[in-house]
Full PDB file with SEQRES, HELIX, SHEET, SSBOND, CRYST1, ORIGX, SCALE, CONECT and MASTER records, all heavy atoms in Angstrom:
SEQRES   1 A   40  ARG ILE ALA THR ILE ASP TYR LEU LEU GLY GLY THR ASP          
SEQRES   2 A   40  LYS MET GLU ALA PHE LYS LYS GLY ARG ASP ILE ASN SER          
SEQRES   3 A   40  PRO GLN GLU THR ALA ASN ASN SER ARG PHE ILE ILE MET          
SEQRES   4 A   40  ASN                                                          
HELIX    1 AA1 ASP A    6  GLY A   10  5                                   5    
HELIX    2 AA2 GLU A   16  LYS A   20  5                                   5    
HELIX    3 AA3 THR A   30  ASN A   32  5                                   3    
HELIX    4 AA4 SER A   34  MET A   39  1                                   6    
CRYST1    1.000    1.000    1.000  90.00  90.00  90.00 P 1           1          
ORIGX1      1.000000  0.000000  0.000000        0.00000                         
ORIGX2      0.000000  1.000000  0.000000        0.00000                         
ORIGX3      0.000000  0.000000  1.000000        0.00000                         
SCALE1      1.000000  0.000000  0.000000        0.00000                         
SCALE2      0.000000  1.000000  0.000000        0.00000                         
SCALE3      0.000000  0.000000  1.000000        0.00000                         
ATOM      1  N   ARG A   1       0.859  -1.200   0.001  1.00  0.00           N  
ATOM      2  CA  ARG A   1      -0.002   0.001  -0.013  1.00  0.00           C  
ATOM      3  C   ARG A   1       0.889   1.232   0.007  1.00  0.00           C  
ATOM      4  O   ARG A   1       1.854   1.344   0.802  1.00  0.00           O  
ATOM      5  CB  ARG A   1      -0.900  -0.009   1.218  1.00  0.00           C  
ATOM      6  CG  ARG A   1      -2.098   0.930   1.153  1.00  0.00           C  
ATOM      7  CD  ARG A   1      -3.067   0.516   0.077  1.00  0.00           C  
ATOM      8  NE  ARG A   1      -4.322   1.275   0.132  1.00  0.00           N  
ATOM      9  CZ  ARG A   1      -5.174   1.336  -0.884  1.00  0.00           C  
ATOM     10  NH1 ARG A   1      -4.896   0.732  -2.023  1.00  0.00           N  
ATOM     11  NH2 ARG A   1      -6.282   2.055  -0.771  1.00  0.00           N  
ATOM     12  N   ILE A   2       0.569   2.196  -0.865  1.00  0.00           N  
ATOM     13  CA  ILE A   2       1.399   3.387  -1.062  1.00  0.00           C  
ATOM     14  C   ILE A   2       0.576   4.636  -0.873  1.00  0.00           C  
ATOM     15  O   ILE A   2      -0.538   4.746  -1.394  1.00  0.00           O  
ATOM     16  CB  ILE A   2       2.032   3.382  -2.475  1.00  0.00           C  
ATOM     17  CG1 ILE A   2       2.791   2.072  -2.721  1.00  0.00           C  
ATOM     18  CG2 ILE A   2       2.970   4.584  -2.648  1.00  0.00           C  
ATOM     19  CD1 ILE A   2       3.126   1.850  -4.163  1.00  0.00           C  
ATOM     20  N   ALA A   3       1.115   5.586  -0.126  1.00  0.00           N  
ATOM     21  CA  ALA A   3       0.525   6.921  -0.007  1.00  0.00           C  
ATOM     22  C   ALA A   3       1.252   7.857  -0.945  1.00  0.00           C  
ATOM     23  O   ALA A   3       2.480   7.928  -0.928  1.00  0.00           O  
ATOM     24  CB  ALA A   3       0.636   7.426   1.437  1.00  0.00           C  
ATOM     25  N   THR A   4       0.496   8.565  -1.793  1.00  0.00           N  
ATOM     26  CA  THR A   4       1.115   9.461  -2.759  1.00  0.00           C  
ATOM     27  C   THR A   4       0.137  10.568  -3.120  1.00  0.00           C  
ATOM     28  O   THR A   4      -0.728  10.905  -2.308  1.00  0.00           O  
ATOM     29  CB  THR A   4       1.553   8.645  -3.999  1.00  0.00           C  
ATOM     30  OG1 THR A   4       2.275   9.506  -4.900  1.00  0.00           O  
ATOM     31  CG2 THR A   4       0.409   7.980  -4.711  1.00  0.00           C  
ATOM     32  N   ILE A   5       0.260  11.143  -4.314  1.00  0.00           N  
ATOM     33  CA  ILE A   5      -0.684  12.151  -4.775  1.00  0.00           C  
ATOM     34  C   ILE A   5      -1.318  11.670  -6.067  1.00  0.00           C  
ATOM     35  O   ILE A   5      -0.722  10.909  -6.814  1.00  0.00           O  
ATOM     36  CB  ILE A   5      -0.013  13.534  -4.980  1.00  0.00           C  
ATOM     37  CG1 ILE A   5       1.206  13.411  -5.908  1.00  0.00           C  
ATOM     38  CG2 ILE A   5       0.374  14.154  -3.661  1.00  0.00           C  
ATOM     39  CD1 ILE A   5       1.853  14.754  -6.255  1.00  0.00           C  
ATOM     40  N   ASP A   6      -2.550  12.113  -6.303  1.00  0.00           N  
ATOM     41  CA  ASP A   6      -3.316  11.595  -7.440  1.00  0.00           C  
ATOM     42  C   ASP A   6      -2.671  11.892  -8.785  1.00  0.00           C  
ATOM     43  O   ASP A   6      -2.887  11.147  -9.763  1.00  0.00           O  
ATOM     44  CB  ASP A   6      -4.757  12.098  -7.408  1.00  0.00           C  
ATOM     45  CG  ASP A   6      -4.868  13.632  -7.466  1.00  0.00           C  
ATOM     46  OD1 ASP A   6      -3.837  14.324  -7.409  1.00  0.00           O  
ATOM     47  OD2 ASP A   6      -5.998  14.133  -7.567  1.00  0.00           O  
ATOM     48  N   TYR A   7      -1.854  12.946  -8.856  1.00  0.00           N  
ATOM     49  CA  TYR A   7      -1.171  13.283 -10.098  1.00  0.00           C  
ATOM     50  C   TYR A   7      -0.335  12.125 -10.628  1.00  0.00           C  
ATOM     51  O   TYR A   7      -0.208  11.960 -11.851  1.00  0.00           O  
ATOM     52  CB  TYR A   7      -0.292  14.510  -9.845  1.00  0.00           C  
ATOM     53  CG  TYR A   7       0.651  14.861 -10.999  1.00  0.00           C  
ATOM     54  CD1 TYR A   7       0.163  15.480 -12.149  1.00  0.00           C  
ATOM     55  CD2 TYR A   7       2.006  14.610 -10.906  1.00  0.00           C  
ATOM     56  CE1 TYR A   7       1.007  15.798 -13.185  1.00  0.00           C  
ATOM     57  CE2 TYR A   7       2.867  14.912 -11.958  1.00  0.00           C  
ATOM     58  CZ  TYR A   7       2.370  15.536 -13.086  1.00  0.00           C  
ATOM     59  OH  TYR A   7       3.211  15.855 -14.133  1.00  0.00           O  
ATOM     60  N   LEU A   8       0.209  11.314  -9.731  1.00  0.00           N  
ATOM     61  CA  LEU A   8       1.098  10.227 -10.140  1.00  0.00           C  
ATOM     62  C   LEU A   8       0.366   8.960 -10.550  1.00  0.00           C  
ATOM     63  O   LEU A   8       0.986   8.040 -11.145  1.00  0.00           O  
ATOM     64  CB  LEU A   8       2.095   9.911  -9.038  1.00  0.00           C  
ATOM     65  CG  LEU A   8       3.051  11.047  -8.655  1.00  0.00           C  
ATOM     66  CD1 LEU A   8       3.951  10.616  -7.491  1.00  0.00           C  
ATOM     67  CD2 LEU A   8       3.903  11.464  -9.857  1.00  0.00           C  
ATOM     68  N   LEU A   9      -0.928   8.852 -10.243  1.00  0.00           N  
ATOM     69  CA  LEU A   9      -1.642   7.609 -10.468  1.00  0.00           C  
ATOM     70  C   LEU A   9      -1.706   7.240 -11.944  1.00  0.00           C  
ATOM     71  O   LEU A   9      -1.855   6.068 -12.285  1.00  0.00           O  
ATOM     72  CB  LEU A   9      -3.038   7.695  -9.891  1.00  0.00           C  
ATOM     73  CG  LEU A   9      -3.122   7.924  -8.385  1.00  0.00           C  
ATOM     74  CD1 LEU A   9      -4.577   7.857  -7.921  1.00  0.00           C  
ATOM     75  CD2 LEU A   9      -2.296   6.916  -7.600  1.00  0.00           C  
ATOM     76  N   GLY A  10      -1.625   8.231 -12.813  1.00  0.00           N  
ATOM     77  CA  GLY A  10      -1.666   7.955 -14.256  1.00  0.00           C  
ATOM     78  C   GLY A  10      -0.333   7.641 -14.871  1.00  0.00           C  
ATOM     79  O   GLY A  10      -0.196   7.547 -16.084  1.00  0.00           O  
ATOM     80  N   GLY A  11       0.693   7.480 -14.030  1.00  0.00           N  
ATOM     81  CA  GLY A  11       2.010   7.122 -14.535  1.00  0.00           C  
ATOM     82  C   GLY A  11       2.857   8.311 -14.965  1.00  0.00           C  
ATOM     83  O   GLY A  11       3.802   8.157 -15.712  1.00  0.00           O  
ATOM     84  N   THR A  12       2.490   9.491 -14.487  1.00  0.00           N  
ATOM     85  CA  THR A  12       3.215  10.714 -14.851  1.00  0.00           C  
ATOM     86  C   THR A  12       4.591  10.775 -14.173  1.00  0.00           C  
ATOM     87  O   THR A  12       4.898   9.989 -13.275  1.00  0.00           O  
ATOM     88  CB  THR A  12       2.403  11.949 -14.479  1.00  0.00           C  
ATOM     89  OG1 THR A  12       1.908  11.791 -13.146  1.00  0.00           O  
ATOM     90  CG2 THR A  12       1.224  12.149 -15.412  1.00  0.00           C  
ATOM     91  N   ASP A  13       5.415  11.736 -14.598  1.00  0.00           N  
ATOM     92  CA  ASP A  13       6.773  11.914 -14.095  1.00  0.00           C  
ATOM     93  C   ASP A  13       7.588  10.610 -14.218  1.00  0.00           C  
ATOM     94  O   ASP A  13       8.411  10.294 -13.346  1.00  0.00           O  
ATOM     95  CB  ASP A  13       6.768  12.416 -12.648  1.00  0.00           C  
ATOM     96  CG  ASP A  13       6.791  13.962 -12.592  1.00  0.00           C  
ATOM     97  OD1 ASP A  13       6.511  14.586 -13.629  1.00  0.00           O  
ATOM     98  OD2 ASP A  13       7.093  14.490 -11.530  1.00  0.00           O  
ATOM     99  N   LYS A  14       7.308   9.877 -15.293  1.00  0.00           N  
ATOM    100  CA  LYS A  14       8.048   8.656 -15.641  1.00  0.00           C  
ATOM    101  C   LYS A  14       7.863   7.522 -14.627  1.00  0.00           C  
ATOM    102  O   LYS A  14       8.633   6.558 -14.638  1.00  0.00           O  
ATOM    103  CB  LYS A  14       9.532   8.974 -15.842  1.00  0.00           C  
ATOM    104  CG  LYS A  14       9.785  10.013 -16.930  1.00  0.00           C  
ATOM    105  CD  LYS A  14      11.252  10.271 -17.141  1.00  0.00           C  
ATOM    106  CE  LYS A  14      11.472  11.305 -18.237  1.00  0.00           C  
ATOM    107  NZ  LYS A  14      12.910  11.584 -18.473  1.00  0.00           N  
ATOM    108  N   MET A  15       6.852   7.631 -13.771  1.00  0.00           N  
ATOM    109  CA  MET A  15       6.556   6.546 -12.826  1.00  0.00           C  
ATOM    110  C   MET A  15       5.354   5.759 -13.347  1.00  0.00           C  
ATOM    111  O   MET A  15       4.282   5.721 -12.745  1.00  0.00           O  
ATOM    112  CB  MET A  15       6.308   7.139 -11.430  1.00  0.00           C  
ATOM    113  CG  MET A  15       7.588   7.627 -10.777  1.00  0.00           C  
ATOM    114  SD  MET A  15       7.398   8.154  -9.056  1.00  0.00           S  
ATOM    115  CE  MET A  15       7.202   9.940  -9.276  1.00  0.00           C  
ATOM    116  N   GLU A  16       5.562   5.083 -14.479  1.00  0.00           N  
ATOM    117  CA  GLU A  16       4.491   4.428 -15.180  1.00  0.00           C  
ATOM    118  C   GLU A  16       3.956   3.196 -14.425  1.00  0.00           C  
ATOM    119  O   GLU A  16       2.845   2.739 -14.710  1.00  0.00           O  
ATOM    120  CB  GLU A  16       4.959   4.033 -16.565  1.00  0.00           C  
ATOM    121  CG  GLU A  16       5.247   5.250 -17.463  1.00  0.00           C  
ATOM    122  CD  GLU A  16       5.566   4.852 -18.890  1.00  0.00           C  
ATOM    123  OE1 GLU A  16       5.581   3.627 -19.174  1.00  0.00           O  
ATOM    124  OE2 GLU A  16       5.785   5.766 -19.696  1.00  0.00           O  
ATOM    125  N   ALA A  17       4.710   2.681 -13.503  1.00  0.00           N  
ATOM    126  CA  ALA A  17       4.251   1.514 -12.736  1.00  0.00           C  
ATOM    127  C   ALA A  17       2.972   1.793 -11.976  1.00  0.00           C  
ATOM    128  O   ALA A  17       2.172   0.890 -11.723  1.00  0.00           O  
ATOM    129  CB  ALA A  17       5.342   1.038 -11.776  1.00  0.00           C  
ATOM    130  N   PHE A  18       2.734   3.068 -11.650  1.00  0.00           N  
ATOM    131  CA  PHE A  18       1.496   3.400 -10.916  1.00  0.00           C  
ATOM    132  C   PHE A  18       0.252   3.048 -11.742  1.00  0.00           C  
ATOM    133  O   PHE A  18      -0.820   2.869 -11.161  1.00  0.00           O  
ATOM    134  CB  PHE A  18       1.494   4.871 -10.544  1.00  0.00           C  
ATOM    135  CG  PHE A  18       2.173   5.188  -9.235  1.00  0.00           C  
ATOM    136  CD1 PHE A  18       3.239   6.093  -9.198  1.00  0.00           C  
ATOM    137  CD2 PHE A  18       1.795   4.577  -8.069  1.00  0.00           C  
ATOM    138  CE1 PHE A  18       3.882   6.388  -7.994  1.00  0.00           C  
ATOM    139  CE2 PHE A  18       2.417   4.850  -6.868  1.00  0.00           C  
ATOM    140  CZ  PHE A  18       3.465   5.773  -6.822  1.00  0.00           C  
ATOM    141  N   LYS A  19       0.363   2.976 -13.043  1.00  0.00           N  
ATOM    142  CA  LYS A  19      -0.786   2.684 -13.870  1.00  0.00           C  
ATOM    143  C   LYS A  19      -1.298   1.232 -13.647  1.00  0.00           C  
ATOM    144  O   LYS A  19      -2.407   0.906 -14.018  1.00  0.00           O  
ATOM    145  CB  LYS A  19      -0.447   2.874 -15.355  1.00  0.00           C  
ATOM    146  CG  LYS A  19      -0.237   4.346 -15.728  1.00  0.00           C  
ATOM    147  CD  LYS A  19      -0.183   4.558 -17.214  1.00  0.00           C  
ATOM    148  CE  LYS A  19       1.031   3.970 -17.853  1.00  0.00           C  
ATOM    149  NZ  LYS A  19       1.151   4.351 -19.299  1.00  0.00           N  
ATOM    150  N   LYS A  20      -0.450   0.418 -13.027  1.00  0.00           N  
ATOM    151  CA  LYS A  20      -0.817  -0.961 -12.747  1.00  0.00           C  
ATOM    152  C   LYS A  20      -1.496  -1.134 -11.392  1.00  0.00           C  
ATOM    153  O   LYS A  20      -1.805  -2.260 -11.005  1.00  0.00           O  
ATOM    154  CB  LYS A  20       0.421  -1.847 -12.841  1.00  0.00           C  
ATOM    155  CG  LYS A  20       1.117  -1.841 -14.204  1.00  0.00           C  
ATOM    156  CD  LYS A  20       2.319  -2.771 -14.186  1.00  0.00           C  
ATOM    157  CE  LYS A  20       3.011  -2.778 -15.537  1.00  0.00           C  
ATOM    158  NZ  LYS A  20       4.183  -3.689 -15.552  1.00  0.00           N  
ATOM    159  N   GLY A  21      -1.707  -0.034 -10.683  1.00  0.00           N  
ATOM    160  CA  GLY A  21      -2.233  -0.110  -9.322  1.00  0.00           C  
ATOM    161  C   GLY A  21      -3.669  -0.521  -9.240  1.00  0.00           C  
ATOM    162  O   GLY A  21      -4.420  -0.492 -10.208  1.00  0.00           O  
ATOM    163  N   ARG A  22      -4.064  -0.926  -8.054  1.00  0.00           N  
ATOM    164  CA  ARG A  22      -5.425  -1.346  -7.769  1.00  0.00           C  
ATOM    165  C   ARG A  22      -5.876  -0.780  -6.427  1.00  0.00           C  
ATOM    166  O   ARG A  22      -5.076  -0.218  -5.665  1.00  0.00           O  
ATOM    167  CB  ARG A  22      -5.560  -2.863  -7.772  1.00  0.00           C  
ATOM    168  CG  ARG A  22      -4.608  -3.565  -6.830  1.00  0.00           C  
ATOM    169  CD  ARG A  22      -4.685  -5.086  -6.978  1.00  0.00           C  
ATOM    170  NE  ARG A  22      -3.631  -5.774  -6.240  1.00  0.00           N  
ATOM    171  CZ  ARG A  22      -3.676  -6.084  -4.953  1.00  0.00           C  
ATOM    172  NH1 ARG A  22      -4.754  -5.734  -4.223  1.00  0.00           N  
ATOM    173  NH2 ARG A  22      -2.684  -6.716  -4.346  1.00  0.00           N  
ATOM    174  N   ASP A  23      -7.167  -0.949  -6.127  1.00  0.00           N  
ATOM    175  CA  ASP A  23      -7.762  -0.519  -4.844  1.00  0.00           C  
ATOM    176  C   ASP A  23      -7.401   0.949  -4.555  1.00  0.00           C  
ATOM    177  O   ASP A  23      -6.903   1.293  -3.482  1.00  0.00           O  
ATOM    178  CB  ASP A  23      -7.254  -1.392  -3.688  1.00  0.00           C  
ATOM    179  CG  ASP A  23      -7.658  -2.851  -3.882  1.00  0.00           C  
ATOM    180  OD1 ASP A  23      -8.702  -3.084  -4.519  1.00  0.00           O  
ATOM    181  OD2 ASP A  23      -6.915  -3.724  -3.415  1.00  0.00           O  
ATOM    182  N   ILE A  24      -7.696   1.798  -5.495  1.00  0.00           N  
ATOM    183  CA  ILE A  24      -7.323   3.204  -5.389  1.00  0.00           C  
ATOM    184  C   ILE A  24      -8.311   3.960  -4.458  1.00  0.00           C  
ATOM    185  O   ILE A  24      -9.515   3.813  -4.597  1.00  0.00           O  
ATOM    186  CB  ILE A  24      -7.299   3.895  -6.765  1.00  0.00           C  
ATOM    187  CG1 ILE A  24      -6.180   3.309  -7.625  1.00  0.00           C  
ATOM    188  CG2 ILE A  24      -7.114   5.411  -6.649  1.00  0.00           C  
ATOM    189  CD1 ILE A  24      -6.167   3.750  -9.073  1.00  0.00           C  
ATOM    190  N   ASN A  25      -7.741   4.715  -3.569  1.00  0.00           N  
ATOM    191  CA  ASN A  25      -8.538   5.609  -2.707  1.00  0.00           C  
ATOM    192  C   ASN A  25      -8.036   7.015  -2.947  1.00  0.00           C  
ATOM    193  O   ASN A  25      -6.925   7.383  -2.523  1.00  0.00           O  
ATOM    194  CB  ASN A  25      -8.332   5.233  -1.225  1.00  0.00           C  
ATOM    195  CG  ASN A  25      -9.079   6.156  -0.280  1.00  0.00           C  
ATOM    196  OD1 ASN A  25      -9.869   6.983  -0.696  1.00  0.00           O  
ATOM    197  ND2 ASN A  25      -8.802   6.010   1.023  1.00  0.00           N  
ATOM    198  N   SER A  26      -8.799   7.807  -3.679  1.00  0.00           N  
ATOM    199  CA  SER A  26      -8.356   9.118  -4.123  1.00  0.00           C  
ATOM    200  C   SER A  26      -9.445  10.149  -3.906  1.00  0.00           C  
ATOM    201  O   SER A  26     -10.151  10.572  -4.840  1.00  0.00           O  
ATOM    202  CB  SER A  26      -7.954   9.075  -5.594  1.00  0.00           C  
ATOM    203  OG  SER A  26      -7.503  10.336  -6.040  1.00  0.00           O  
ATOM    204  N   PRO A  27      -9.660  10.591  -2.650  1.00  0.00           N  
ATOM    205  CA  PRO A  27     -10.702  11.567  -2.336  1.00  0.00           C  
ATOM    206  C   PRO A  27     -10.420  12.929  -3.011  1.00  0.00           C  
ATOM    207  O   PRO A  27      -9.319  13.436  -2.912  1.00  0.00           O  
ATOM    208  CB  PRO A  27     -10.659  11.691  -0.819  1.00  0.00           C  
ATOM    209  CG  PRO A  27      -9.268  11.278  -0.464  1.00  0.00           C  
ATOM    210  CD  PRO A  27      -8.853  10.255  -1.456  1.00  0.00           C  
ATOM    211  N   GLN A  28     -11.403  13.464  -3.686  1.00  0.00           N  
ATOM    212  CA  GLN A  28     -11.189  14.646  -4.521  1.00  0.00           C  
ATOM    213  C   GLN A  28     -11.680  15.974  -3.914  1.00  0.00           C  
ATOM    214  O   GLN A  28     -11.583  17.026  -4.549  1.00  0.00           O  
ATOM    215  CB  GLN A  28     -11.855  14.458  -5.888  1.00  0.00           C  
ATOM    216  CG  GLN A  28     -11.166  13.378  -6.729  1.00  0.00           C  
ATOM    217  CD  GLN A  28      -9.710  13.704  -7.013  1.00  0.00           C  
ATOM    218  OE1 GLN A  28      -9.432  14.708  -7.673  1.00  0.00           O  
ATOM    219  NE2 GLN A  28      -8.797  12.877  -6.537  1.00  0.00           N  
ATOM    220  N   GLU A  29     -12.168  15.946  -2.695  1.00  0.00           N  
ATOM    221  CA  GLU A  29     -12.589  17.211  -2.057  1.00  0.00           C  
ATOM    222  C   GLU A  29     -11.360  18.114  -1.831  1.00  0.00           C  
ATOM    223  O   GLU A  29     -10.259  17.645  -1.646  1.00  0.00           O  
ATOM    224  CB  GLU A  29     -13.274  16.926  -0.726  1.00  0.00           C  
ATOM    225  CG  GLU A  29     -14.603  16.191  -0.853  1.00  0.00           C  
ATOM    226  CD  GLU A  29     -14.443  14.693  -1.023  1.00  0.00           C  
ATOM    227  OE1 GLU A  29     -13.299  14.210  -0.920  1.00  0.00           O  
ATOM    228  OE2 GLU A  29     -15.450  14.027  -1.266  1.00  0.00           O  
ATOM    229  N   THR A  30     -11.602  19.405  -1.858  1.00  0.00           N  
ATOM    230  CA  THR A  30     -10.529  20.374  -1.734  1.00  0.00           C  
ATOM    231  C   THR A  30      -9.689  20.175  -0.500  1.00  0.00           C  
ATOM    232  O   THR A  30      -8.469  20.360  -0.508  1.00  0.00           O  
ATOM    233  CB  THR A  30     -11.102  21.801  -1.748  1.00  0.00           C  
ATOM    234  OG1 THR A  30     -11.826  22.008  -2.964  1.00  0.00           O  
ATOM    235  CG2 THR A  30      -9.985  22.847  -1.642  1.00  0.00           C  
ATOM    236  N   ALA A  31     -10.293  19.765   0.591  1.00  0.00           N  
ATOM    237  CA  ALA A  31      -9.576  19.581   1.858  1.00  0.00           C  
ATOM    238  C   ALA A  31      -8.482  18.521   1.763  1.00  0.00           C  
ATOM    239  O   ALA A  31      -7.576  18.494   2.602  1.00  0.00           O  
ATOM    240  CB  ALA A  31     -10.547  19.177   2.979  1.00  0.00           C  
ATOM    241  N   ASN A  32      -8.533  17.694   0.722  1.00  0.00           N  
ATOM    242  CA  ASN A  32      -7.548  16.633   0.558  1.00  0.00           C  
ATOM    243  C   ASN A  32      -6.347  17.086  -0.320  1.00  0.00           C  
ATOM    244  O   ASN A  32      -5.486  16.262  -0.634  1.00  0.00           O  
ATOM    245  CB  ASN A  32      -8.208  15.416  -0.063  1.00  0.00           C  
ATOM    246  CG  ASN A  32      -9.349  14.894   0.776  1.00  0.00           C  
ATOM    247  OD1 ASN A  32      -9.146  14.511   1.899  1.00  0.00           O  
ATOM    248  ND2 ASN A  32     -10.533  14.951   0.245  1.00  0.00           N  
ATOM    249  N   ASN A  33      -6.317  18.357  -0.658  1.00  0.00           N  
ATOM    250  CA  ASN A  33      -5.203  18.888  -1.424  1.00  0.00           C  
ATOM    251  C   ASN A  33      -3.909  18.751  -0.613  1.00  0.00           C  
ATOM    252  O   ASN A  33      -3.905  18.935   0.606  1.00  0.00           O  
ATOM    253  CB  ASN A  33      -5.453  20.361  -1.729  1.00  0.00           C  
ATOM    254  CG  ASN A  33      -4.450  20.950  -2.704  1.00  0.00           C  
ATOM    255  OD1 ASN A  33      -3.262  21.071  -2.359  1.00  0.00           O  
ATOM    256  ND2 ASN A  33      -4.882  21.311  -3.876  1.00  0.00           N  
ATOM    257  N   SER A  34      -2.840  18.409  -1.266  1.00  0.00           N  
ATOM    258  CA  SER A  34      -1.574  18.153  -0.563  1.00  0.00           C  
ATOM    259  C   SER A  34      -1.139  19.351   0.275  1.00  0.00           C  
ATOM    260  O   SER A  34      -0.560  19.184   1.351  1.00  0.00           O  
ATOM    261  CB  SER A  34      -0.468  17.756  -1.535  1.00  0.00           C  
ATOM    262  OG  SER A  34      -0.228  18.765  -2.486  1.00  0.00           O  
ATOM    263  N   ARG A  35      -1.391  20.591  -0.209  1.00  0.00           N  
ATOM    264  CA  ARG A  35      -0.922  21.752   0.558  1.00  0.00           C  
ATOM    265  C   ARG A  35      -1.635  21.853   1.900  1.00  0.00           C  
ATOM    266  O   ARG A  35      -1.017  22.225   2.895  1.00  0.00           O  
ATOM    267  CB  ARG A  35      -1.118  23.045  -0.250  1.00  0.00           C  
ATOM    268  CG  ARG A  35      -2.506  23.605  -0.320  1.00  0.00           C  
ATOM    269  CD  ARG A  35      -2.529  24.948  -1.017  1.00  0.00           C  
ATOM    270  NE  ARG A  35      -2.200  24.817  -2.405  1.00  0.00           N  
ATOM    271  CZ  ARG A  35      -3.101  24.811  -3.395  1.00  0.00           C  
ATOM    272  NH1 ARG A  35      -4.397  24.929  -3.093  1.00  0.00           N  
ATOM    273  NH2 ARG A  35      -2.761  24.721  -4.648  1.00  0.00           N  
ATOM    274  N   PHE A  36      -2.920  21.483   1.949  1.00  0.00           N  
ATOM    275  CA  PHE A  36      -3.626  21.554   3.221  1.00  0.00           C  
ATOM    276  C   PHE A  36      -3.172  20.439   4.150  1.00  0.00           C  
ATOM    277  O   PHE A  36      -3.132  20.635   5.374  1.00  0.00           O  
ATOM    278  CB  PHE A  36      -5.140  21.473   2.963  1.00  0.00           C  
ATOM    279  CG  PHE A  36      -5.678  22.611   2.174  1.00  0.00           C  
ATOM    280  CD1 PHE A  36      -6.442  22.411   1.030  1.00  0.00           C  
ATOM    281  CD2 PHE A  36      -5.416  23.916   2.552  1.00  0.00           C  
ATOM    282  CE1 PHE A  36      -6.901  23.489   0.293  1.00  0.00           C  
ATOM    283  CE2 PHE A  36      -5.886  24.996   1.815  1.00  0.00           C  
ATOM    284  CZ  PHE A  36      -6.635  24.778   0.688  1.00  0.00           C  
ATOM    285  N   ILE A  37      -2.821  19.291   3.594  1.00  0.00           N  
ATOM    286  CA  ILE A  37      -2.300  18.203   4.431  1.00  0.00           C  
ATOM    287  C   ILE A  37      -0.948  18.618   5.003  1.00  0.00           C  
ATOM    288  O   ILE A  37      -0.645  18.333   6.184  1.00  0.00           O  
ATOM    289  CB  ILE A  37      -2.213  16.921   3.595  1.00  0.00           C  
ATOM    290  CG1 ILE A  37      -3.630  16.434   3.280  1.00  0.00           C  
ATOM    291  CG2 ILE A  37      -1.427  15.863   4.341  1.00  0.00           C  
ATOM    292  CD1 ILE A  37      -3.706  15.303   2.312  1.00  0.00           C  
ATOM    293  N   ILE A  38      -0.128  19.271   4.203  1.00  0.00           N  
ATOM    294  CA  ILE A  38       1.186  19.746   4.684  1.00  0.00           C  
ATOM    295  C   ILE A  38       0.962  20.784   5.825  1.00  0.00           C  
ATOM    296  O   ILE A  38       1.645  20.718   6.851  1.00  0.00           O  
ATOM    297  CB  ILE A  38       1.975  20.407   3.537  1.00  0.00           C  
ATOM    298  CG1 ILE A  38       2.337  19.332   2.486  1.00  0.00           C  
ATOM    299  CG2 ILE A  38       3.236  21.057   4.073  1.00  0.00           C  
ATOM    300  CD1 ILE A  38       2.812  19.902   1.165  1.00  0.00           C  
ATOM    301  N   MET A  39       0.028  21.709   5.630  1.00  0.00           N  
ATOM    302  CA  MET A  39      -0.270  22.679   6.676  1.00  0.00           C  
ATOM    303  C   MET A  39      -0.744  22.014   7.942  1.00  0.00           C  
ATOM    304  O   MET A  39      -0.365  22.401   9.057  1.00  0.00           O  
ATOM    305  CB  MET A  39      -1.309  23.673   6.181  1.00  0.00           C  
ATOM    306  CG  MET A  39      -0.801  24.597   5.091  1.00  0.00           C  
ATOM    307  SD  MET A  39      -2.130  25.735   4.591  1.00  0.00           S  
ATOM    308  CE  MET A  39      -1.539  26.186   2.952  1.00  0.00           C  
ATOM    309  N   ASN A  40      -1.625  20.999   7.775  1.00  0.00           N  
ATOM    310  CA  ASN A  40      -2.121  20.309   8.961  1.00  0.00           C  
ATOM    311  C   ASN A  40      -0.994  19.648   9.727  1.00  0.00           C  
ATOM    312  O   ASN A  40      -1.024  19.624  10.983  1.00  0.00           O  
ATOM    313  CB  ASN A  40      -3.143  19.228   8.546  1.00  0.00           C  
ATOM    314  CG  ASN A  40      -4.453  19.814   8.035  1.00  0.00           C  
ATOM    315  OD1 ASN A  40      -4.745  20.986   8.307  1.00  0.00           O  
ATOM    316  ND2 ASN A  40      -5.213  19.048   7.289  1.00  0.00           N  
TER     317      ASN A  40                                                      
MASTER        0    0    0    4    0    0    0    6  316    1    0    4          
END                                                                             
């Protein structure tokens, strides 16, 4: 199980292995933005 950001789930930034992932949990509400998590 990996914690990351949704931008990478499509295999971007040359990390194409993420496209093979399963059981994705990717909440899209604004509060889940990485900057707010960093601030928290």
